[in-house]
C-alpha atoms as a PDB file:
ATOM      1  CA  MET A   1      13.178   0.001  -1.193  1.00  0.00           C
ATOM      2  CA  THR A   2      11.530   3.239  -0.207  1.00  0.00           C
ATOM      3  CA  SER A   3       8.113   4.729  -0.575  1.00  0.00           C
ATOM      4  CA  THR A   4       6.363   7.905   0.478  1.00  0.00           C
ATOM      5  CA  CYS A   5       3.014   7.646   2.186  1.00  0.00           C
ATOM      6  CA  TYR A   6       0.916   9.702   4.542  1.00  0.00           C
ATOM      7  CA  SER A   7      -0.623   9.142   7.963  1.00  0.00           C
ATOM      8  CA  GLY A   8      -3.419   6.587   7.689  1.00  0.00           C
ATOM      9  CA  ASP A   9      -2.300   5.217   4.294  1.00  0.00           C
ATOM     10  CA  ILE A  10      -0.895   1.993   5.780  1.00  0.00           C
ATOM     11  CA  SER A  11      -3.160  -0.233   7.870  1.00  0.00           C
ATOM     12  CA  GLU A  12      -0.670  -3.047   8.545  1.00  0.00           C
ATOM     13  CA  LEU A  13       3.008  -3.990   8.139  1.00  0.00           C
ATOM     14  CA  SER A  14       3.457  -7.766   8.192  1.00  0.00           C
ATOM     15  CA  VAL A  15       6.858  -9.398   8.728  1.00  0.00           C
ATOM     16  CA  SER A  16       7.845 -12.751   7.236  1.00  0.00           C
ATOM     17  CA  ILE A  17      11.132 -14.527   7.837  1.00  0.00           C
ATOM     18  CA  ASN A  18      12.110 -17.413   5.572  1.00  0.00           C
ATOM     19  CA  GLY A  19       8.564 -17.497   4.155  1.00  0.00           C
ATOM     20  CA  GLU A  20       6.841 -17.762   7.548  1.00  0.00           C
ATOM     21  CA  LYS A  21       4.701 -14.887   8.854  1.00  0.00           C
ATOM     22  CA  LYS A  22       6.192 -13.816  12.181  1.00  0.00           C
ATOM     23  CA  GLY A  23       4.037 -10.840  13.161  1.00  0.00           C
ATOM     24  CA  THR A  24       3.342  -7.208  12.456  1.00  0.00           C
ATOM     25  CA  LEU A  25       5.039  -3.884  13.038  1.00  0.00           C
ATOM     26  CA  GLY A  26       3.364  -0.731  14.247  1.00  0.00           C
ATOM     27  CA  THR A  27       2.500   1.726  11.505  1.00  0.00           C
ATOM     28  CA  ASP A  28       4.021   4.739  13.276  1.00  0.00           C
ATOM     29  CA  PRO A  29       7.313   6.072  11.850  1.00  0.00           C
ATOM     30  CA  GLY A  30      10.293   4.331  13.459  1.00  0.00           C
ATOM     31  CA  ALA A  31       8.318   1.312  14.655  1.00  0.00           C
ATOM     32  CA  THR A  32      10.526  -1.687  15.371  1.00  0.00           C
ATOM     33  CA  GLY A  33      10.129  -5.335  16.245  1.00  0.00           C
ATOM     34  CA  THR A  34      12.237  -8.379  17.029  1.00  0.00           C
ATOM     35  CA  TYR A  35      11.279 -11.742  15.580  1.00  0.00           C
ATOM     36  CA  PRO A  36      13.084 -15.092  15.726  1.00  0.00           C
ATOM     37  CA  GLY A  37      14.863 -16.387  12.644  1.00  0.00           C
ATOM     38  CA  SER A  38      17.143 -19.313  12.036  1.00  0.00           C
ATOM     39  CA  SER A  39      20.735 -19.486  13.193  1.00  0.00           C
ATOM     40  CA  SER A  40      21.841 -19.443   9.552  1.00  0.00           C
ATOM     41  CA  ALA A  41      20.708 -17.301   6.602  1.00  0.00           C
ATOM     42  CA  ASN A  42      17.396 -15.442   6.947  1.00  0.00           C
ATOM     43  CA  MET A  43      15.229 -13.872   4.232  1.00  0.00           C
ATOM     44  CA  VAL A  44      13.192 -10.979   5.664  1.00  0.00           C
ATOM     45  CA  VAL A  45      10.186  -9.478   3.848  1.00  0.00           C
ATOM     46  CA  VAL A  46       7.923  -6.663   5.080  1.00  0.00           C
ATOM     47  CA  VAL A  47       4.613  -6.170   3.266  1.00  0.00           C
ATOM     48  CA  ALA A  48       2.506  -3.035   3.677  1.00  0.00           C
ATOM     49  CA  LYS A  49      -1.266  -3.328   3.497  1.00  0.00           C
ATOM     50  CA  PHE A  50      -2.784  -0.013   2.450  1.00  0.00           C
ATOM     51  CA  SER A  51      -6.132   1.413   3.543  1.00  0.00           C
ATOM     52  CA  ASN A  52      -7.464   0.946  -0.010  1.00  0.00           C
ATOM     53  CA  GLY A  53      -6.781  -2.835   0.188  1.00  0.00           C
ATOM     54  CA  ALA A  54      -3.607  -2.842  -1.935  1.00  0.00           C
ATOM     55  CA  GLU A  55      -0.478  -4.632  -0.706  1.00  0.00           C
ATOM     56  CA  ASN A  56       3.163  -3.963  -1.578  1.00  0.00           C
ATOM     57  CA  VAL A  57       6.553  -5.292  -0.492  1.00  0.00           C
ATOM     58  CA  VAL A  58       8.267  -2.349   1.224  1.00  0.00           C
ATOM     59  CA  TYR A  59      11.388  -4.177   2.440  1.00  0.00           C
ATOM     60  CA  GLN A  60      13.153  -7.333   1.308  1.00  0.00           C
ATOM     61  CA  ASN A  61      16.674  -8.522   1.995  1.00  0.00           C
ATOM     62  CA  SER A  62      18.636 -11.312   0.441  1.00  0.00           C
ATOM     63  CA  ALA A  63      19.335 -14.174   2.792  1.00  0.00           C
ATOM     64  CA  LEU A  64      22.507 -13.194   4.588  1.00  0.00           C
END
């Protein structure tokens, strides 16, 4: 999933693994993070919170 946005559009990127919120990523391009998952399949979802209050899933994988 991809989206185009501009500096300041996104106020937060929250990371959930297997339905549990694990933390947030920086909003700068290329920001990364490492969060613990299970030793088996993991479902990862990243939700962007925009400065206008809207939220949108910007990344989602199928449990691998």
